[in-house]
Amino acid sequence: MATWKIDPVHSEIKFKVRHLVVSTVTGQFHNFDATVEAEKPDFSDAKISFEADVNSIGTKNDQRDGHLKSADFFDAASHPKITFDSTSVTGKGDGEFEILGNLTIRGTTKPIRLSATYNGTVKGFGGTEVAGFEIRGKVNRFEYGLQWNGLTEAGGVVVGDEVRIEIEAELNRVANAKAA
């Protein structure tokens, strides 16, 4: 069994949501961790666990970041972590995968479907094996208790209900990983 850890310096955990109906706000989590265990070199049998620190959220606006950490949204004081644990990984061919798992936000756990592209594995600096992935998905924020919703003067919503997830993940193989 090979164990891989996400490289936070070369990875991004981003989300995008509609703002005022006409534009999109992008945010990201700066502090996160992920572990992938797989026996097959193409990761088709991978087990994935991930967590993000809600207090590390960043949207390029301190006031908005504070609001997102509040009880109106993520409630970081009571629910400081977002977690994901895979339940299955299915190869679709040509490095494409469907990942099913359980996403927990604000104490609510729901199944989620993600699509992933495996970009390959190479030898990195120092001979460490490095694997790259692009992962996409979407959730309805209301299903996770992120209920705050303002209206504009014209009656449009301030924040959309669909949140797109975009992950660029670079994983490093852990040296001397023990067999399970």
Protein backbone atom coordinates (compact mmCIF):
# COMPACT_ATOMS: atom_id res chain seq x y z
CA MET A 1 0.00 0.00 0.00
CA ALA A 2 1.45 3.35 -1.03
CA THR A 3 0.69 6.43 1.06
CA TRP A 4 0.63 9.90 -0.47
CA LYS A 5 0.36 13.29 1.26
CA ILE A 6 -0.85 16.50 -0.34
CA ASP A 7 1.83 19.15 -0.88
CA PRO A 8 0.22 22.38 0.36
CA VAL A 9 2.82 24.54 -1.38
CA HIS A 10 1.90 23.14 -4.80
CA SER A 11 -1.84 22.59 -4.27
CA GLU A 12 -4.94 24.79 -4.17
CA ILE A 13 -8.34 24.16 -2.59
CA LYS A 14 -10.70 26.69 -4.16
CA PHE A 15 -14.42 27.35 -4.35
CA LYS A 16 -16.50 29.62 -6.56
CA VAL A 17 -19.96 31.01 -5.93
CA ARG A 18 -22.19 33.50 -7.73
CA HIS A 19 -22.25 37.01 -6.29
CA LEU A 20 -25.09 39.43 -7.04
CA VAL A 21 -26.26 37.05 -9.79
CA VAL A 22 -23.85 38.54 -12.37
CA SER A 23 -20.35 37.72 -11.13
CA THR A 24 -18.39 35.04 -9.31
CA VAL A 25 -16.38 35.23 -6.10
CA THR A 26 -13.48 32.83 -5.68
CA GLY A 27 -12.17 31.77 -2.31
CA GLN A 28 -9.73 29.23 -1.03
CA PHE A 29 -8.55 27.46 2.06
CA HIS A 30 -4.91 28.11 2.86
CA ASN A 31 -4.49 25.38 5.51
CA PHE A 32 -5.47 21.83 4.58
CA ASP A 33 -4.26 18.26 4.69
CA ALA A 34 -4.99 15.17 2.64
CA THR A 35 -3.82 11.57 2.59
CA VAL A 36 -4.32 9.10 -0.24
CA GLU A 37 -3.66 5.39 0.08
CA ALA A 38 -3.53 3.20 -3.02
CA GLU A 39 -2.09 -0.11 -4.08
CA LYS A 40 -2.55 0.41 -7.81
CA PRO A 41 -0.20 2.86 -9.52
CA ASP A 42 -3.11 4.47 -11.41
CA PHE A 43 -4.91 5.28 -8.10
CA SER A 44 -8.04 3.39 -9.19
CA ASP A 45 -8.29 1.82 -5.72
CA ALA A 46 -7.51 5.00 -3.78
CA LYS A 47 -8.83 5.81 -0.32
CA ILE A 48 -8.85 9.57 0.22
CA SER A 49 -9.17 11.61 3.39
CA PHE A 50 -9.08 15.41 3.44
CA GLU A 51 -9.61 18.25 5.87
CA ALA A 52 -9.52 22.03 5.56
CA ASP A 53 -9.21 24.59 8.35
CA VAL A 54 -12.23 26.90 8.07
CA ASN A 55 -10.32 29.72 9.77
CA SER A 56 -7.86 29.73 6.85
CA ILE A 57 -10.52 30.83 4.36
CA GLY A 58 -9.53 33.66 2.05
CA THR A 59 -11.57 35.59 -0.53
CA LYS A 60 -9.40 38.74 -0.84
CA ASN A 61 -11.80 40.61 1.46
CA ASP A 62 -11.29 40.55 5.25
CA GLN A 63 -14.88 41.57 6.01
CA ARG A 64 -16.31 38.82 3.81
CA ASP A 65 -13.84 36.27 5.25
CA GLY A 66 -15.00 37.17 8.76
CA HIS A 67 -18.64 36.78 7.70
CA LEU A 68 -17.90 33.38 6.15
CA LYS A 69 -16.31 32.22 9.43
CA SER A 70 -19.34 33.41 11.42
CA ALA A 71 -22.47 31.46 12.39
CA ASP A 72 -24.17 32.83 9.24
CA PHE A 73 -22.00 30.50 7.16
CA PHE A 74 -19.32 28.01 8.28
CA ASP A 75 -19.54 28.70 12.05
CA ALA A 76 -15.80 28.14 12.48
CA ALA A 77 -16.02 28.48 16.27
CA SER A 78 -18.22 25.37 16.50
CA HIS A 79 -17.13 23.59 13.29
CA PRO A 80 -13.46 24.44 12.60
CA LYS A 81 -12.89 21.74 9.96
CA ILE A 82 -14.38 20.69 6.64
CA THR A 83 -13.71 17.00 5.98
CA PHE A 84 -14.03 14.54 3.12
CA ASP A 85 -13.63 10.76 3.11
CA SER A 86 -13.94 8.78 -0.10
CA THR A 87 -16.22 5.78 -0.36
CA SER A 88 -15.25 4.74 -3.92
CA VAL A 89 -13.04 5.68 -6.83
CA THR A 90 -14.09 4.54 -10.29
CA GLY A 91 -11.88 4.80 -13.36
CA LYS A 92 -13.59 6.21 -16.44
CA GLY A 93 -10.61 5.78 -18.80
CA ASP A 94 -7.91 8.17 -20.02
CA GLY A 95 -6.99 9.24 -16.47
CA GLU A 96 -10.54 10.30 -15.61
CA PHE A 97 -12.13 9.19 -12.34
CA GLU A 98 -15.38 9.54 -10.45
CA ILE A 99 -14.85 9.92 -6.71
CA LEU A 100 -17.74 9.33 -4.33
CA GLY A 101 -17.45 10.23 -0.69
CA ASN A 102 -18.84 11.98 2.33
CA LEU A 103 -18.33 15.71 2.74
CA THR A 104 -18.86 17.25 6.17
CA ILE A 105 -19.43 20.98 6.49
CA ARG A 106 -20.76 22.65 9.61
CA GLY A 107 -21.52 19.28 11.22
CA THR A 108 -23.62 18.07 8.29
CA THR A 109 -22.38 15.08 6.30
CA LYS A 110 -23.72 14.42 2.81
CA PRO A 111 -22.56 12.28 -0.11
CA ILE A 112 -20.78 14.09 -2.91
CA ARG A 113 -19.64 13.14 -6.40
CA LEU A 114 -16.37 14.57 -7.68
CA SER A 115 -14.70 14.21 -11.05
CA ALA A 116 -10.93 13.88 -11.13
CA THR A 117 -8.27 13.95 -13.78
CA TYR A 118 -5.04 12.12 -13.01
CA ASN A 119 -2.21 14.03 -14.70
CA GLY A 120 0.43 11.38 -14.05
CA THR A 121 3.29 10.59 -11.70
CA VAL A 122 6.87 11.80 -12.04
CA LYS A 123 10.07 11.84 -10.02
CA GLY A 124 10.34 15.19 -8.25
CA PHE A 125 13.26 16.84 -6.51
CA GLY A 126 15.23 14.39 -4.38
CA GLY A 127 13.68 11.46 -6.23
CA THR A 128 10.32 11.69 -4.47
CA GLU A 129 7.40 10.42 -6.53
CA VAL A 130 4.91 13.21 -7.26
CA ALA A 131 1.37 12.70 -8.60
CA GLY A 132 -0.92 15.43 -9.92
CA PHE A 133 -4.71 15.66 -9.99
CA GLU A 134 -7.41 18.14 -10.96
CA ILE A 135 -10.64 17.61 -9.02
CA ARG A 136 -14.02 19.28 -9.61
CA GLY A 137 -17.42 19.13 -7.98
CA LYS A 138 -20.30 21.19 -6.73
CA VAL A 139 -22.55 21.39 -3.70
CA ASN A 140 -25.66 23.26 -2.70
CA ARG A 141 -24.59 25.36 0.30
CA PHE A 142 -28.08 25.27 1.84
CA GLU A 143 -27.81 21.48 2.26
CA TYR A 144 -24.87 22.06 4.63
CA GLY A 145 -26.52 24.71 6.77
CA LEU A 146 -24.92 27.74 5.12
CA GLN A 147 -28.27 29.49 5.15
CA TRP A 148 -27.51 33.22 5.13
CA ASN A 149 -29.10 34.85 2.12
CA GLY A 150 -29.39 38.55 1.42
CA LEU A 151 -31.32 40.19 -1.39
CA THR A 152 -30.31 43.12 -3.54
CA GLU A 153 -32.56 46.14 -3.97
CA ALA A 154 -33.73 44.60 -7.25
CA GLY A 155 -34.61 41.33 -5.51
CA GLY A 156 -31.64 39.28 -6.71
CA VAL A 157 -29.70 37.07 -4.31
CA VAL A 158 -26.36 38.26 -2.95
CA VAL A 159 -24.84 34.76 -2.78
CA GLY A 160 -25.78 31.88 -5.08
CA ASP A 161 -26.79 28.48 -3.74
CA GLU A 162 -24.42 26.38 -5.90
CA VAL A 163 -20.78 26.30 -4.86
CA ARG A 164 -18.25 24.93 -7.33
CA ILE A 165 -15.23 23.12 -5.89
CA GLU A 166 -11.92 23.27 -7.78
CA ILE A 167 -8.86 21.46 -6.46
CA GLU A 168 -5.38 21.32 -7.93
CA ALA A 169 -3.61 18.61 -5.93
CA GLU A 170 0.02 17.63 -5.99
CA LEU A 171 0.73 14.54 -3.89
CA ASN A 172 4.08 13.29 -2.63
CA ARG A 173 4.63 9.60 -1.97
CA VAL A 174 5.57 9.03 1.64
CA ALA A 175 8.91 7.22 1.86
CA ASN A 176 8.98 3.83 3.55
CA ALA A 177 5.20 3.53 3.76
CA LYS A 178 4.38 0.28 5.52
CA ALA A 179 2.23 -2.36 3.87
CA ALA A 180 -1.24 -2.74 5.33
